[in-house]
Protein backbone atom coordinates (compact mmCIF):
# COMPACT_ATOMS: atom_id res chain seq x y z
CA MET A 1 -10.72 4.78 0.54
CA TRP A 2 -8.46 5.28 -2.44
CA LYS A 3 -7.39 8.84 -3.36
CA ALA A 4 -6.34 9.67 -6.86
CA GLU A 5 -4.08 12.67 -7.60
CA LEU A 6 -2.95 13.78 -11.12
CA HIS A 7 1.03 13.97 -11.62
CA GLY A 8 1.27 15.30 -15.11
CA VAL A 9 -0.41 12.75 -17.17
CA VAL A 10 -0.36 10.02 -14.73
CA ARG A 11 -2.79 9.35 -11.88
CA VAL A 12 -1.43 8.21 -8.63
CA ALA A 13 -3.78 6.13 -6.42
CA THR A 14 -3.00 6.09 -2.72
CA TRP A 15 -4.83 4.09 0.21
CA CYS A 16 -6.04 6.48 2.65
CA PRO A 17 -7.79 4.53 5.44
CA PRO A 18 -10.88 6.00 6.96
CA ILE A 19 -9.49 5.15 10.38
CA SER A 20 -5.96 4.23 11.29
CA GLY A 21 -5.31 0.50 10.63
CA ALA A 22 -8.41 -0.02 8.64
CA GLU A 23 -8.22 -2.98 6.30
CA VAL A 24 -7.42 -2.16 2.56
CA ARG A 25 -10.60 -2.19 0.43
CA TRP A 26 -8.97 -3.60 -2.83
CA ASP A 27 -12.45 -3.77 -4.35
CA THR A 28 -12.59 0.10 -4.37
CA LEU A 29 -9.34 0.38 -6.23
CA GLY A 30 -11.41 -0.73 -9.52
CA ASP A 31 -13.93 1.91 -8.64
CA CYS A 32 -11.10 4.43 -8.48
CA PHE A 33 -9.94 3.41 -11.98
CA ALA A 34 -13.51 3.18 -13.35
CA ASN A 35 -13.90 6.43 -15.29
CA GLN A 36 -10.23 6.77 -16.17
CA THR A 37 -9.39 3.26 -17.43
CA LYS A 38 -7.49 4.51 -20.58
CA ASP A 39 -5.16 6.44 -18.30
CA ARG A 40 -1.73 5.72 -16.80
CA TRP A 41 -1.85 4.76 -13.15
CA VAL A 42 0.64 4.32 -10.31
CA VAL A 43 -0.65 2.50 -7.27
CA ASP A 44 1.27 3.82 -4.32
CA LEU A 45 1.59 0.80 -1.89
CA ALA A 46 3.42 2.55 0.90
CA GLU A 47 0.62 2.16 3.27
CA ILE A 48 -0.11 -1.38 2.43
CA ARG A 49 1.46 -3.89 4.74
CA LEU A 50 -0.16 -7.17 3.50
CA VAL A 51 -2.00 -8.27 0.32
CA THR A 52 -4.29 -11.33 0.73
CA SER A 53 -5.24 -13.72 -2.10
CA GLU A 54 -8.58 -11.95 -2.24
CA GLY A 55 -6.81 -8.71 -2.59
CA LEU A 56 -4.60 -10.01 -5.33
CA ALA A 57 -7.77 -11.10 -7.17
CA GLN A 58 -9.10 -7.65 -6.97
CA ILE A 59 -5.84 -5.96 -8.08
CA ILE A 60 -5.67 -8.21 -11.01
CA GLY A 61 -9.05 -7.59 -12.25
CA ALA A 62 -8.79 -3.73 -11.74
CA VAL A 63 -5.30 -3.78 -13.59
CA ARG A 64 -6.64 -6.01 -16.39
CA ARG A 65 -9.67 -3.52 -17.12
CA VAL A 66 -7.24 -0.63 -17.30
CA GLN A 67 -4.81 -2.63 -19.59
CA LEU A 68 -7.63 -3.90 -21.79
CA SER A 69 -8.88 -0.37 -22.39
CA GLY A 70 -5.36 0.87 -23.38
CA GLY A 71 -4.24 2.25 -20.08
CA LYS A 72 -1.12 1.32 -18.11
CA VAL A 73 -0.43 0.69 -14.39
CA ALA A 74 2.71 0.59 -12.29
CA PHE A 75 3.21 -0.12 -8.50
CA ALA A 76 5.36 2.15 -6.27
CA ARG A 77 6.87 1.95 -2.87
CA PRO A 78 5.96 -1.59 -1.96
CA SER A 79 7.03 -2.78 1.48
CA SER A 80 9.55 -5.78 1.27
CA LEU A 81 6.73 -8.22 2.25
CA VAL A 82 4.28 -6.82 -0.39
CA ALA A 83 6.94 -6.75 -3.08
CA GLN A 84 7.92 -10.48 -2.21
CA ILE A 85 4.24 -11.37 -2.59
CA VAL A 86 3.87 -9.61 -5.84
CA ARG A 87 6.97 -11.26 -7.25
CA SER A 88 6.03 -14.71 -5.95
CA MET A 89 2.62 -14.43 -7.76
CA HIS A 90 4.56 -13.22 -10.96
CA LEU A 91 2.31 -10.13 -10.72
CA ASP A 92 5.36 -8.02 -11.56
CA ARG A 93 5.30 -9.38 -15.04
CA LEU A 94 1.88 -7.63 -15.35
CA VAL A 95 2.60 -4.49 -13.31
CA PRO A 96 6.18 -3.28 -12.72
CA LEU A 97 7.30 -2.49 -9.34
CA HIS A 98 9.24 0.82 -8.65
CA PRO A 99 10.92 1.98 -5.34
CA GLU A 100 9.39 5.51 -5.55
CA VAL A 101 6.31 7.15 -7.05
CA ALA A 102 8.45 9.43 -9.15
CA THR A 103 10.26 6.64 -10.79
CA ALA A 104 6.98 4.93 -11.61
CA VAL A 105 5.53 8.14 -13.09
CA ALA A 106 8.71 8.48 -15.05
CA ALA A 107 8.53 5.02 -16.34
CA LEU A 108 4.91 5.51 -17.47
CA THR A 109 5.55 8.87 -19.23
CA GLY A 110 8.79 7.62 -20.85
CA VAL A 111 10.87 10.29 -19.02
């Protein structure tokens, strides 16, 4: 399940598996964004080890809904494999990658 915390004016979504090693439920990321699509979001990828093509489709759909409603999204703390997947799919053109949550929050707030 995705947990959302407010960091100033930016919401940070973090994957919190119900049991250790549980598969990431990318479809529920959109649910996390649902009522706050106009907000600024950082998706903390620290606990994500792999993104499948289905996961990428879910991510793109959720991010597009946020962006079309006037919100912004950034990714933070991707593993090297996840960062490589994001870059190879050119998803980093849609959603910037940041090494830390704090730098992603700062980028979305203009600090």
